N, C-alpha and C. Protein backbone atom coordinates (compact mmCIF):
# COMPACT_ATOMS: atom_id res chain seq x y z
N MET A 1 -6.28 -4.73 -23.19
CA MET A 1 -6.94 -3.57 -22.58
C MET A 1 -6.99 -2.41 -23.55
N SER A 2 -8.05 -1.67 -23.53
CA SER A 2 -8.20 -0.51 -24.39
C SER A 2 -7.52 0.69 -23.75
N HIS A 3 -6.51 1.23 -24.41
CA HIS A 3 -5.80 2.39 -23.91
C HIS A 3 -6.26 3.63 -24.66
N LYS A 4 -6.36 4.73 -23.98
CA LYS A 4 -6.72 5.99 -24.62
C LYS A 4 -5.69 7.02 -24.19
N ALA A 5 -4.96 7.56 -25.14
CA ALA A 5 -3.94 8.55 -24.79
C ALA A 5 -4.59 9.80 -24.20
N ILE A 6 -5.74 10.18 -24.79
CA ILE A 6 -6.48 11.34 -24.30
C ILE A 6 -7.91 10.90 -24.03
N PRO A 7 -8.38 10.92 -22.80
CA PRO A 7 -9.74 10.48 -22.51
C PRO A 7 -10.76 11.41 -23.13
N ASP A 8 -11.92 10.86 -23.45
CA ASP A 8 -13.02 11.62 -24.03
C ASP A 8 -13.54 12.62 -23.00
N ALA A 9 -13.47 13.91 -23.33
CA ALA A 9 -13.87 14.95 -22.37
C ALA A 9 -15.36 14.91 -22.08
N SER A 10 -16.16 14.29 -22.97
CA SER A 10 -17.61 14.23 -22.76
C SER A 10 -18.01 13.09 -21.83
N ASP A 11 -17.06 12.23 -21.48
CA ASP A 11 -17.34 11.07 -20.64
C ASP A 11 -16.84 11.31 -19.22
N GLU A 12 -17.39 10.56 -18.28
CA GLU A 12 -16.90 10.58 -16.91
C GLU A 12 -16.15 9.28 -16.66
N TYR A 13 -15.17 9.33 -15.78
CA TYR A 13 -14.36 8.16 -15.50
C TYR A 13 -14.30 7.92 -14.00
N CYS A 14 -14.10 6.65 -13.64
CA CYS A 14 -13.99 6.29 -12.23
C CYS A 14 -12.90 5.24 -12.09
N GLY A 15 -12.55 4.94 -10.84
CA GLY A 15 -11.57 3.90 -10.57
C GLY A 15 -12.21 2.52 -10.55
N THR A 16 -11.36 1.51 -10.38
CA THR A 16 -11.81 0.12 -10.43
C THR A 16 -12.82 -0.20 -9.33
N SER A 17 -12.59 0.31 -8.13
CA SER A 17 -13.46 -0.01 -7.00
C SER A 17 -14.88 0.50 -7.22
N TYR A 18 -15.00 1.72 -7.74
CA TYR A 18 -16.33 2.28 -7.95
C TYR A 18 -17.04 1.57 -9.10
N ALA A 19 -16.28 1.19 -10.12
CA ALA A 19 -16.86 0.41 -11.22
C ALA A 19 -17.40 -0.92 -10.70
N ALA A 20 -16.66 -1.55 -9.79
CA ALA A 20 -17.10 -2.82 -9.19
C ALA A 20 -18.40 -2.62 -8.42
N LYS A 21 -18.52 -1.49 -7.74
CA LYS A 21 -19.74 -1.23 -6.98
C LYS A 21 -20.92 -1.00 -7.91
N LEU A 22 -20.71 -0.25 -8.99
CA LEU A 22 -21.80 0.03 -9.92
C LEU A 22 -22.34 -1.24 -10.56
N LEU A 23 -21.44 -2.19 -10.86
CA LEU A 23 -21.84 -3.42 -11.53
C LEU A 23 -22.09 -4.57 -10.56
N ASN A 24 -21.84 -4.33 -9.27
CA ASN A 24 -22.00 -5.37 -8.26
C ASN A 24 -21.14 -6.60 -8.60
N LEU A 25 -19.89 -6.32 -8.97
CA LEU A 25 -18.93 -7.36 -9.30
C LEU A 25 -17.67 -7.17 -8.45
N SER A 26 -16.79 -8.16 -8.46
CA SER A 26 -15.53 -8.04 -7.74
C SER A 26 -14.57 -7.16 -8.54
N VAL A 27 -13.56 -6.64 -7.85
CA VAL A 27 -12.54 -5.84 -8.53
C VAL A 27 -11.84 -6.69 -9.59
N GLY A 28 -11.58 -7.96 -9.27
CA GLY A 28 -10.95 -8.86 -10.24
C GLY A 28 -11.78 -9.02 -11.50
N SER A 29 -13.11 -9.10 -11.35
CA SER A 29 -13.99 -9.23 -12.51
C SER A 29 -13.94 -7.97 -13.37
N ILE A 30 -13.87 -6.82 -12.72
CA ILE A 30 -13.78 -5.56 -13.46
C ILE A 30 -12.48 -5.53 -14.26
N GLN A 31 -11.38 -5.93 -13.64
CA GLN A 31 -10.10 -5.95 -14.33
C GLN A 31 -10.15 -6.88 -15.54
N SER A 32 -10.83 -8.02 -15.38
CA SER A 32 -10.97 -8.97 -16.49
C SER A 32 -11.78 -8.36 -17.63
N LEU A 33 -12.86 -7.64 -17.30
CA LEU A 33 -13.69 -7.01 -18.33
C LEU A 33 -12.91 -5.93 -19.09
N VAL A 34 -12.03 -5.24 -18.36
CA VAL A 34 -11.19 -4.24 -19.01
C VAL A 34 -10.22 -4.90 -19.98
N GLU A 35 -9.59 -5.99 -19.53
CA GLU A 35 -8.63 -6.70 -20.39
C GLU A 35 -9.31 -7.25 -21.65
N LYS A 36 -10.59 -7.61 -21.53
CA LYS A 36 -11.34 -8.14 -22.67
C LYS A 36 -11.98 -7.04 -23.51
N ASN A 37 -11.69 -5.78 -23.14
CA ASN A 37 -12.27 -4.62 -23.85
C ASN A 37 -13.79 -4.53 -23.73
N GLU A 38 -14.36 -5.21 -22.72
CA GLU A 38 -15.79 -5.07 -22.45
C GLU A 38 -16.08 -3.72 -21.80
N LEU A 39 -15.08 -3.19 -21.10
CA LEU A 39 -15.17 -1.86 -20.51
C LEU A 39 -14.05 -1.01 -21.10
N ARG A 40 -14.37 0.23 -21.43
CA ARG A 40 -13.37 1.14 -22.00
C ARG A 40 -12.59 1.82 -20.88
N ALA A 41 -11.28 1.76 -20.96
CA ALA A 41 -10.46 2.30 -19.88
C ALA A 41 -9.14 2.82 -20.43
N TRP A 42 -8.47 3.60 -19.60
CA TRP A 42 -7.12 4.03 -19.91
C TRP A 42 -6.34 4.06 -18.60
N LYS A 43 -5.06 4.24 -18.69
CA LYS A 43 -4.22 4.26 -17.49
C LYS A 43 -3.58 5.62 -17.30
N THR A 44 -3.50 6.03 -16.04
CA THR A 44 -2.79 7.25 -15.70
C THR A 44 -1.29 6.99 -15.82
N GLN A 45 -0.50 8.03 -15.69
CA GLN A 45 0.95 7.88 -15.75
C GLN A 45 1.44 6.98 -14.61
N GLY A 46 0.71 6.95 -13.53
CA GLY A 46 1.09 6.10 -12.40
C GLY A 46 0.63 4.66 -12.55
N GLY A 47 -0.06 4.35 -13.67
CA GLY A 47 -0.48 2.97 -13.92
C GLY A 47 -1.83 2.61 -13.35
N HIS A 48 -2.63 3.60 -12.93
CA HIS A 48 -3.94 3.33 -12.36
C HIS A 48 -5.02 3.42 -13.43
N ARG A 49 -5.92 2.44 -13.43
CA ARG A 49 -6.99 2.41 -14.43
C ARG A 49 -8.05 3.47 -14.15
N ARG A 50 -8.53 4.08 -15.21
CA ARG A 50 -9.72 4.91 -15.16
C ARG A 50 -10.69 4.31 -16.15
N ILE A 51 -11.89 4.07 -15.70
CA ILE A 51 -12.88 3.34 -16.49
C ILE A 51 -14.03 4.27 -16.87
N SER A 52 -14.42 4.20 -18.12
CA SER A 52 -15.49 5.05 -18.64
C SER A 52 -16.83 4.69 -18.00
N ILE A 53 -17.48 5.69 -17.40
CA ILE A 53 -18.81 5.49 -16.83
C ILE A 53 -19.79 5.09 -17.93
N GLN A 54 -19.68 5.74 -19.09
CA GLN A 54 -20.57 5.42 -20.20
C GLN A 54 -20.43 3.95 -20.60
N SER A 55 -19.20 3.44 -20.65
CA SER A 55 -19.00 2.05 -21.05
C SER A 55 -19.55 1.08 -19.99
N ILE A 56 -19.59 1.51 -18.73
CA ILE A 56 -20.18 0.69 -17.67
C ILE A 56 -21.68 0.53 -17.91
N TYR A 57 -22.36 1.65 -18.23
CA TYR A 57 -23.79 1.58 -18.50
C TYR A 57 -24.07 0.78 -19.76
N GLN A 58 -23.20 0.91 -20.76
CA GLN A 58 -23.36 0.13 -21.99
C GLN A 58 -23.21 -1.36 -21.70
N TYR A 59 -22.26 -1.71 -20.82
CA TYR A 59 -22.09 -3.12 -20.47
C TYR A 59 -23.31 -3.64 -19.71
N GLN A 60 -23.88 -2.80 -18.84
CA GLN A 60 -25.09 -3.19 -18.12
C GLN A 60 -26.20 -3.56 -19.11
N ASN A 61 -26.34 -2.76 -20.16
CA ASN A 61 -27.38 -3.04 -21.16
C ASN A 61 -27.08 -4.32 -21.92
N ARG A 62 -25.84 -4.52 -22.33
CA ARG A 62 -25.48 -5.72 -23.09
C ARG A 62 -25.67 -6.98 -22.26
N ALA A 63 -25.31 -6.89 -20.97
CA ALA A 63 -25.38 -8.07 -20.10
C ALA A 63 -26.74 -8.20 -19.42
N SER A 64 -27.67 -7.28 -19.74
CA SER A 64 -29.01 -7.29 -19.12
C SER A 64 -28.93 -7.25 -17.61
N LEU A 65 -28.02 -6.42 -17.10
CA LEU A 65 -27.88 -6.25 -15.65
C LEU A 65 -28.77 -5.11 -15.20
N ALA A 66 -29.39 -5.29 -14.06
CA ALA A 66 -30.21 -4.22 -13.50
C ALA A 66 -29.29 -3.09 -13.06
N PRO A 67 -29.53 -1.85 -13.50
CA PRO A 67 -28.67 -0.74 -13.08
C PRO A 67 -28.80 -0.49 -11.60
N LYS A 68 -27.71 -0.04 -11.01
CA LYS A 68 -27.74 0.30 -9.58
C LYS A 68 -28.70 1.46 -9.37
N ALA A 69 -29.62 1.27 -8.44
CA ALA A 69 -30.61 2.32 -8.19
C ALA A 69 -29.92 3.56 -7.64
N PRO A 70 -30.18 4.73 -8.21
CA PRO A 70 -29.55 5.95 -7.71
C PRO A 70 -30.06 6.31 -6.33
N SER A 71 -29.17 6.88 -5.53
CA SER A 71 -29.56 7.30 -4.19
C SER A 71 -30.52 8.48 -4.28
N GLN A 72 -31.59 8.43 -3.48
CA GLN A 72 -32.54 9.53 -3.49
C GLN A 72 -31.91 10.71 -2.75
N PRO A 73 -31.93 11.91 -3.37
CA PRO A 73 -31.33 13.07 -2.73
C PRO A 73 -31.90 13.29 -1.33
N GLY A 74 -31.00 13.46 -0.36
CA GLY A 74 -31.42 13.72 1.00
C GLY A 74 -31.70 12.49 1.82
N LYS A 75 -31.91 11.34 1.17
CA LYS A 75 -32.25 10.13 1.92
C LYS A 75 -31.00 9.37 2.35
N TYR A 76 -29.99 9.34 1.48
CA TYR A 76 -28.78 8.60 1.78
C TYR A 76 -27.62 9.56 2.02
N LEU A 77 -26.77 9.19 2.98
CA LEU A 77 -25.54 9.93 3.23
C LEU A 77 -24.42 9.23 2.47
N LYS A 78 -23.81 9.95 1.53
CA LYS A 78 -22.75 9.37 0.72
C LYS A 78 -21.42 9.46 1.47
N VAL A 79 -20.82 8.30 1.73
CA VAL A 79 -19.60 8.22 2.52
C VAL A 79 -18.52 7.53 1.71
N MET A 80 -17.32 8.11 1.69
CA MET A 80 -16.17 7.45 1.09
C MET A 80 -15.14 7.16 2.18
N VAL A 81 -14.65 5.92 2.19
CA VAL A 81 -13.62 5.50 3.14
C VAL A 81 -12.35 5.18 2.37
N VAL A 82 -11.22 5.73 2.81
CA VAL A 82 -9.93 5.47 2.19
C VAL A 82 -9.05 4.77 3.22
N GLU A 83 -8.77 3.50 2.99
CA GLU A 83 -8.04 2.68 3.98
C GLU A 83 -7.27 1.59 3.24
N ASP A 84 -5.95 1.51 3.49
CA ASP A 84 -5.14 0.54 2.75
C ASP A 84 -5.14 -0.85 3.40
N ASP A 85 -5.61 -0.98 4.64
CA ASP A 85 -5.63 -2.28 5.30
C ASP A 85 -6.93 -3.02 4.97
N ALA A 86 -6.79 -4.23 4.42
CA ALA A 86 -7.97 -4.99 3.95
C ALA A 86 -8.91 -5.34 5.10
N ASN A 87 -8.37 -5.73 6.26
CA ASN A 87 -9.22 -6.10 7.39
C ASN A 87 -10.03 -4.90 7.89
N THR A 88 -9.40 -3.74 7.91
CA THR A 88 -10.10 -2.54 8.36
C THR A 88 -11.19 -2.14 7.36
N ARG A 89 -10.90 -2.28 6.07
CA ARG A 89 -11.93 -1.99 5.07
C ARG A 89 -13.13 -2.92 5.25
N ALA A 90 -12.85 -4.19 5.50
CA ALA A 90 -13.94 -5.16 5.70
C ALA A 90 -14.74 -4.80 6.95
N MET A 91 -14.06 -4.32 7.99
CA MET A 91 -14.74 -3.93 9.22
C MET A 91 -15.68 -2.75 8.98
N TYR A 92 -15.21 -1.76 8.22
CA TYR A 92 -16.07 -0.62 7.88
C TYR A 92 -17.31 -1.08 7.13
N GLN A 93 -17.10 -1.88 6.08
CA GLN A 93 -18.21 -2.29 5.24
C GLN A 93 -19.21 -3.13 6.02
N ALA A 94 -18.71 -4.03 6.88
CA ALA A 94 -19.61 -4.87 7.68
C ALA A 94 -20.45 -4.00 8.63
N SER A 95 -19.82 -2.99 9.21
CA SER A 95 -20.56 -2.11 10.12
C SER A 95 -21.62 -1.32 9.38
N PHE A 96 -21.26 -0.77 8.22
CA PHE A 96 -22.24 0.00 7.43
C PHE A 96 -23.42 -0.87 7.05
N ASP A 97 -23.15 -2.14 6.71
CA ASP A 97 -24.21 -3.06 6.30
C ASP A 97 -25.14 -3.41 7.46
N GLN A 98 -24.58 -3.43 8.68
CA GLN A 98 -25.37 -3.84 9.85
C GLN A 98 -26.17 -2.68 10.44
N TRP A 99 -25.67 -1.48 10.29
CA TRP A 99 -26.34 -0.33 10.89
C TRP A 99 -27.66 -0.04 10.19
N ASP A 100 -28.63 0.40 10.97
CA ASP A 100 -29.89 0.84 10.40
C ASP A 100 -29.78 2.34 10.09
N VAL A 101 -28.81 2.65 9.24
CA VAL A 101 -28.54 4.03 8.85
C VAL A 101 -28.42 4.07 7.32
N PRO A 102 -29.17 4.93 6.65
CA PRO A 102 -29.11 4.98 5.18
C PRO A 102 -27.80 5.59 4.68
N ILE A 103 -26.80 4.73 4.50
CA ILE A 103 -25.48 5.15 4.04
C ILE A 103 -25.20 4.53 2.69
N ASP A 104 -24.74 5.35 1.76
CA ASP A 104 -24.26 4.87 0.47
C ASP A 104 -22.74 4.95 0.54
N ALA A 105 -22.09 3.82 0.86
CA ALA A 105 -20.66 3.81 1.15
C ALA A 105 -19.84 3.33 -0.03
N ASN A 106 -18.70 3.96 -0.22
CA ASN A 106 -17.72 3.54 -1.22
C ASN A 106 -16.38 3.41 -0.49
N VAL A 107 -15.86 2.19 -0.40
CA VAL A 107 -14.64 1.91 0.36
C VAL A 107 -13.52 1.59 -0.61
N VAL A 108 -12.44 2.39 -0.59
CA VAL A 108 -11.33 2.21 -1.53
C VAL A 108 -10.04 1.97 -0.77
N ASP A 109 -9.03 1.43 -1.48
CA ASP A 109 -7.82 0.99 -0.80
C ASP A 109 -6.63 1.94 -0.93
N SER A 110 -6.80 3.08 -1.58
CA SER A 110 -5.68 4.01 -1.72
C SER A 110 -6.17 5.42 -1.98
N ALA A 111 -5.30 6.39 -1.72
CA ALA A 111 -5.64 7.78 -2.00
C ALA A 111 -5.77 8.02 -3.50
N ILE A 112 -4.97 7.32 -4.30
CA ILE A 112 -5.08 7.46 -5.75
C ILE A 112 -6.46 7.03 -6.22
N GLU A 113 -6.93 5.87 -5.73
CA GLU A 113 -8.26 5.39 -6.11
C GLU A 113 -9.33 6.39 -5.67
N ALA A 114 -9.15 6.96 -4.49
CA ALA A 114 -10.11 7.95 -3.99
C ALA A 114 -10.15 9.18 -4.89
N LEU A 115 -8.99 9.68 -5.29
CA LEU A 115 -8.93 10.87 -6.13
C LEU A 115 -9.57 10.61 -7.49
N LEU A 116 -9.46 9.38 -7.98
CA LEU A 116 -10.11 9.03 -9.25
C LEU A 116 -11.63 9.03 -9.11
N ASP A 117 -12.12 8.55 -7.97
CA ASP A 117 -13.55 8.35 -7.79
C ASP A 117 -14.29 9.55 -7.21
N LEU A 118 -13.59 10.42 -6.52
CA LEU A 118 -14.25 11.53 -5.82
C LEU A 118 -15.15 12.39 -6.72
N PRO A 119 -14.72 12.74 -7.94
CA PRO A 119 -15.60 13.59 -8.77
C PRO A 119 -16.93 12.94 -9.12
N VAL A 120 -16.97 11.60 -9.24
CA VAL A 120 -18.24 10.95 -9.59
C VAL A 120 -19.02 10.52 -8.35
N VAL A 121 -18.30 10.18 -7.27
CA VAL A 121 -18.98 9.79 -6.02
C VAL A 121 -19.53 11.03 -5.32
N ASN A 122 -18.72 12.11 -5.29
CA ASN A 122 -19.13 13.37 -4.66
C ASN A 122 -19.68 13.13 -3.25
N PRO A 123 -18.86 12.60 -2.34
CA PRO A 123 -19.36 12.21 -1.01
C PRO A 123 -19.68 13.39 -0.12
N HIS A 124 -20.55 13.13 0.86
CA HIS A 124 -20.81 14.11 1.90
C HIS A 124 -19.76 14.02 3.00
N VAL A 125 -19.28 12.80 3.25
CA VAL A 125 -18.30 12.55 4.31
C VAL A 125 -17.14 11.73 3.74
N LEU A 126 -15.92 12.16 4.04
CA LEU A 126 -14.71 11.43 3.63
C LEU A 126 -13.99 10.96 4.89
N ILE A 127 -13.80 9.65 5.00
CA ILE A 127 -13.08 9.05 6.13
C ILE A 127 -11.77 8.50 5.59
N THR A 128 -10.65 8.95 6.12
CA THR A 128 -9.37 8.53 5.55
C THR A 128 -8.30 8.25 6.61
N ASP A 129 -7.48 7.26 6.30
CA ASP A 129 -6.27 7.01 7.07
C ASP A 129 -5.25 8.07 6.67
N LEU A 130 -4.17 8.20 7.45
CA LEU A 130 -3.12 9.14 7.08
C LEU A 130 -1.94 8.43 6.44
N ARG A 131 -1.43 7.43 7.14
CA ARG A 131 -0.24 6.74 6.62
C ARG A 131 -0.65 5.66 5.63
N MET A 132 -0.41 5.93 4.35
CA MET A 132 -0.71 4.98 3.29
C MET A 132 0.41 5.03 2.27
N PRO A 133 0.68 3.92 1.58
CA PRO A 133 1.72 3.93 0.55
C PRO A 133 1.35 4.83 -0.61
N GLY A 134 2.37 5.34 -1.29
CA GLY A 134 2.11 6.26 -2.40
C GLY A 134 1.68 7.61 -1.87
N ILE A 135 0.56 8.10 -2.35
CA ILE A 135 0.01 9.37 -1.84
C ILE A 135 -0.64 9.10 -0.49
N ASP A 136 -0.23 9.82 0.54
CA ASP A 136 -0.82 9.60 1.86
C ASP A 136 -2.04 10.48 2.05
N GLY A 137 -2.67 10.33 3.23
CA GLY A 137 -3.91 11.05 3.49
C GLY A 137 -3.74 12.56 3.48
N VAL A 138 -2.62 13.05 4.02
CA VAL A 138 -2.39 14.49 4.07
C VAL A 138 -2.24 15.06 2.66
N GLN A 139 -1.47 14.37 1.82
CA GLN A 139 -1.30 14.82 0.44
C GLN A 139 -2.64 14.84 -0.31
N MET A 140 -3.45 13.81 -0.07
CA MET A 140 -4.76 13.74 -0.72
C MET A 140 -5.63 14.92 -0.30
N LEU A 141 -5.67 15.21 1.00
CA LEU A 141 -6.50 16.30 1.50
C LEU A 141 -6.01 17.65 0.98
N ARG A 142 -4.70 17.79 0.81
CA ARG A 142 -4.16 19.03 0.24
C ARG A 142 -4.64 19.21 -1.19
N GLN A 143 -4.67 18.14 -1.96
CA GLN A 143 -5.15 18.22 -3.34
C GLN A 143 -6.63 18.60 -3.37
N LEU A 144 -7.40 17.99 -2.47
CA LEU A 144 -8.84 18.27 -2.44
C LEU A 144 -9.12 19.71 -2.05
N SER A 145 -8.27 20.28 -1.21
CA SER A 145 -8.50 21.64 -0.72
C SER A 145 -8.41 22.67 -1.84
N THR A 146 -7.82 22.30 -2.97
CA THR A 146 -7.69 23.24 -4.09
C THR A 146 -8.91 23.21 -5.01
N HIS A 147 -9.86 22.30 -4.74
CA HIS A 147 -11.04 22.16 -5.60
C HIS A 147 -12.29 22.62 -4.86
N PRO A 148 -12.94 23.69 -5.31
CA PRO A 148 -14.16 24.20 -4.64
C PRO A 148 -15.26 23.15 -4.54
N GLN A 149 -15.30 22.17 -5.46
CA GLN A 149 -16.34 21.15 -5.45
C GLN A 149 -16.37 20.39 -4.13
N PHE A 150 -15.20 20.27 -3.47
CA PHE A 150 -15.10 19.46 -2.26
C PHE A 150 -15.00 20.31 -0.99
N ALA A 151 -15.31 21.59 -1.11
CA ALA A 151 -15.16 22.49 0.03
C ALA A 151 -16.08 22.13 1.19
N HIS A 152 -17.24 21.50 0.89
CA HIS A 152 -18.23 21.21 1.93
C HIS A 152 -18.21 19.75 2.37
N VAL A 153 -17.20 19.00 1.94
CA VAL A 153 -17.09 17.60 2.37
C VAL A 153 -16.58 17.55 3.81
N GLU A 154 -17.30 16.81 4.66
CA GLU A 154 -16.85 16.63 6.04
C GLU A 154 -15.74 15.57 6.06
N VAL A 155 -14.63 15.89 6.72
CA VAL A 155 -13.46 15.01 6.72
C VAL A 155 -13.22 14.43 8.11
N ILE A 156 -13.07 13.11 8.15
CA ILE A 156 -12.70 12.41 9.38
C ILE A 156 -11.39 11.67 9.12
N VAL A 157 -10.37 11.99 9.89
CA VAL A 157 -9.08 11.30 9.78
C VAL A 157 -9.03 10.22 10.86
N VAL A 158 -8.71 9.01 10.44
CA VAL A 158 -8.56 7.89 11.37
C VAL A 158 -7.11 7.47 11.35
N THR A 159 -6.44 7.51 12.51
CA THR A 159 -5.01 7.29 12.51
C THR A 159 -4.53 6.68 13.83
N GLY A 160 -3.39 6.05 13.76
CA GLY A 160 -2.73 5.54 14.96
C GLY A 160 -1.68 6.51 15.48
N LEU A 161 -1.54 7.66 14.81
CA LEU A 161 -0.55 8.67 15.21
C LEU A 161 -1.05 9.45 16.43
N THR A 162 -0.12 9.90 17.24
CA THR A 162 -0.46 10.79 18.34
C THR A 162 -0.70 12.19 17.79
N ALA A 163 -1.25 13.07 18.63
CA ALA A 163 -1.51 14.44 18.20
C ALA A 163 -0.21 15.13 17.76
N GLN A 164 0.89 14.89 18.51
CA GLN A 164 2.17 15.49 18.16
C GLN A 164 2.69 14.94 16.82
N GLU A 165 2.52 13.64 16.62
CA GLU A 165 2.98 13.04 15.36
C GLU A 165 2.17 13.55 14.18
N ILE A 166 0.87 13.79 14.40
CA ILE A 166 0.03 14.33 13.33
C ILE A 166 0.52 15.72 12.92
N GLN A 167 0.87 16.56 13.90
CA GLN A 167 1.38 17.90 13.61
C GLN A 167 2.66 17.83 12.79
N GLN A 168 3.51 16.85 13.12
CA GLN A 168 4.76 16.68 12.37
C GLN A 168 4.51 16.11 10.98
N TYR A 169 3.44 15.33 10.87
CA TYR A 169 3.13 14.66 9.60
C TYR A 169 2.60 15.64 8.57
N GLY A 170 1.82 16.59 9.01
CA GLY A 170 1.28 17.59 8.08
C GLY A 170 0.03 18.23 8.62
N GLU A 171 -0.23 19.46 8.17
CA GLU A 171 -1.39 20.21 8.65
C GLU A 171 -2.66 19.66 8.03
N LEU A 172 -3.67 19.46 8.86
CA LEU A 172 -4.96 18.96 8.41
C LEU A 172 -5.90 20.13 8.15
N PRO A 173 -6.88 19.96 7.26
CA PRO A 173 -7.82 21.05 6.99
C PRO A 173 -8.58 21.46 8.25
N ALA A 174 -8.94 22.72 8.32
CA ALA A 174 -9.72 23.21 9.46
C ALA A 174 -11.03 22.45 9.54
N GLY A 175 -11.42 22.08 10.76
CA GLY A 175 -12.68 21.38 10.96
C GLY A 175 -12.59 19.88 10.84
N THR A 176 -11.39 19.35 10.57
CA THR A 176 -11.22 17.91 10.45
C THR A 176 -11.42 17.21 11.79
N GLN A 177 -12.25 16.17 11.79
CA GLN A 177 -12.42 15.34 12.98
C GLN A 177 -11.32 14.28 12.98
N VAL A 178 -10.73 14.02 14.14
CA VAL A 178 -9.66 13.03 14.24
C VAL A 178 -10.09 11.90 15.17
N LEU A 179 -10.08 10.67 14.65
CA LEU A 179 -10.34 9.48 15.44
C LEU A 179 -9.06 8.68 15.54
N HIS A 180 -8.75 8.21 16.75
CA HIS A 180 -7.55 7.40 16.95
C HIS A 180 -7.92 5.92 16.92
N LYS A 181 -7.08 5.14 16.28
CA LYS A 181 -7.29 3.70 16.21
C LYS A 181 -7.11 3.06 17.58
N PRO A 182 -7.86 1.99 17.91
CA PRO A 182 -8.92 1.39 17.11
C PRO A 182 -10.15 2.30 17.01
N VAL A 183 -10.83 2.21 15.89
CA VAL A 183 -11.94 3.13 15.60
C VAL A 183 -13.10 2.88 16.56
N ASP A 184 -13.61 3.97 17.13
CA ASP A 184 -14.82 3.90 17.96
C ASP A 184 -16.02 3.91 17.00
N MET A 185 -16.49 2.73 16.61
CA MET A 185 -17.55 2.65 15.62
C MET A 185 -18.88 3.19 16.16
N GLY A 186 -19.07 3.13 17.48
CA GLY A 186 -20.26 3.71 18.08
C GLY A 186 -20.29 5.22 17.87
N TRP A 187 -19.13 5.88 18.09
CA TRP A 187 -19.04 7.33 17.85
C TRP A 187 -19.28 7.63 16.38
N LEU A 188 -18.66 6.83 15.50
CA LEU A 188 -18.78 7.08 14.07
C LEU A 188 -20.23 6.94 13.61
N LYS A 189 -20.93 5.93 14.12
CA LYS A 189 -22.33 5.75 13.76
C LYS A 189 -23.15 6.97 14.19
N GLY A 190 -22.94 7.43 15.42
CA GLY A 190 -23.67 8.60 15.90
C GLY A 190 -23.36 9.84 15.08
N TYR A 191 -22.10 10.00 14.70
CA TYR A 191 -21.70 11.15 13.90
C TYR A 191 -22.40 11.14 12.54
N LEU A 192 -22.42 9.98 11.89
CA LEU A 192 -23.05 9.88 10.57
C LEU A 192 -24.57 10.08 10.67
N GLN A 193 -25.17 9.58 11.76
CA GLN A 193 -26.61 9.81 11.97
C GLN A 193 -26.90 11.29 12.14
N ALA A 194 -26.02 11.98 12.90
CA ALA A 194 -26.20 13.42 13.10
C ALA A 194 -26.04 14.19 11.80
N MET A 195 -25.06 13.77 10.96
CA MET A 195 -24.86 14.42 9.67
C MET A 195 -26.09 14.24 8.78
N LEU A 196 -26.66 13.05 8.80
CA LEU A 196 -27.84 12.77 7.99
C LEU A 196 -29.03 13.60 8.46
N SER A 197 -29.21 13.69 9.78
CA SER A 197 -30.31 14.48 10.33
C SER A 197 -30.15 15.96 9.98
N LEU A 198 -28.90 16.45 10.06
CA LEU A 198 -28.63 17.85 9.74
C LEU A 198 -28.96 18.15 8.28
N ARG A 199 -28.55 17.25 7.39
CA ARG A 199 -28.82 17.46 5.97
C ARG A 199 -30.33 17.43 5.69
N SER A 200 -31.05 16.52 6.37
CA SER A 200 -32.49 16.42 6.17
C SER A 200 -33.20 17.67 6.65
N SER A 201 -32.78 18.20 7.81
CA SER A 201 -33.42 19.40 8.35
C SER A 201 -33.13 20.62 7.48
N GLN A 202 -31.95 20.69 6.91
CA GLN A 202 -31.62 21.82 6.04
C GLN A 202 -32.47 21.80 4.78
N LYS A 203 -32.77 20.60 4.26
CA LYS A 203 -33.60 20.50 3.07
C LYS A 203 -35.06 20.87 3.36
N ARG A 204 -35.49 20.67 4.63
CA ARG A 204 -36.89 20.96 4.98
C ARG A 204 -37.13 22.43 5.29
N GLN A 205 -36.04 23.19 5.53
CA GLN A 205 -36.21 24.59 5.90
C GLN A 205 -36.78 25.37 4.72
N PRO A 206 -37.85 26.15 4.96
CA PRO A 206 -38.44 26.94 3.86
C PRO A 206 -37.50 28.05 3.42
N GLN A 207 -37.54 28.35 2.14
CA GLN A 207 -36.74 29.44 1.63
C GLN A 207 -37.40 30.77 1.98
N VAL A 208 -36.57 31.73 2.40
CA VAL A 208 -37.06 33.05 2.79
C VAL A 208 -36.89 33.99 1.61
N THR A 209 -37.98 34.59 1.20
CA THR A 209 -37.92 35.56 0.10
C THR A 209 -37.96 36.97 0.65
N ASP A 210 -37.19 37.82 0.07
CA ASP A 210 -37.12 39.22 0.50
C ASP A 210 -38.25 40.01 -0.17
N THR A 211 -39.23 40.44 0.62
CA THR A 211 -40.38 41.20 0.08
C THR A 211 -40.24 42.70 0.29
N ALA A 212 -39.09 43.10 0.84
CA ALA A 212 -38.91 44.55 1.09
C ALA A 212 -38.83 45.29 -0.23
N GLU A 213 -39.45 46.47 -0.27
CA GLU A 213 -39.42 47.28 -1.49
C GLU A 213 -38.38 48.37 -1.35
């Protein structure tokens, strides 16, 4: 594997899951490409891979892979899901694939992976579990609250905790929607449709110019 003590500041980096999505490959295949130095990567102090976005595009060219079509602004709702349970992640992805809703979804298995990918994914909606190994959902949201870039991200917490247990677990950001497990996917679909409609209507609103002298 290619290690870099100091990552190139001119490059962008992402986690393994997002790299797999960009190349339409499995996470295992991405890990293999990193080990073969086909993709340039380095590891955080916690042992998590960060993969160069530039090296992903370079690999696409070498392997003659069709690049992933970029989402058209305003047409797709970018959603990130953070969930450590594999069955629940599969349920989310299957639902997104079945719905007739233009969603560009990125589903990751840990808060660490989410924090690595958030700057490049830049989601409109973040759906996260609370109780996860390592960094939990509350800690992740606290870190995000310090970055103005993510101030307008809509947050949905999905948890098996009661309201009292959530209060004991940690304070959630103002405006956070809370869904209790099992997830009401019908509600979630309606919520995402409403978010998409709201974003589309905001883009259609004409700009008002001040003509007062």
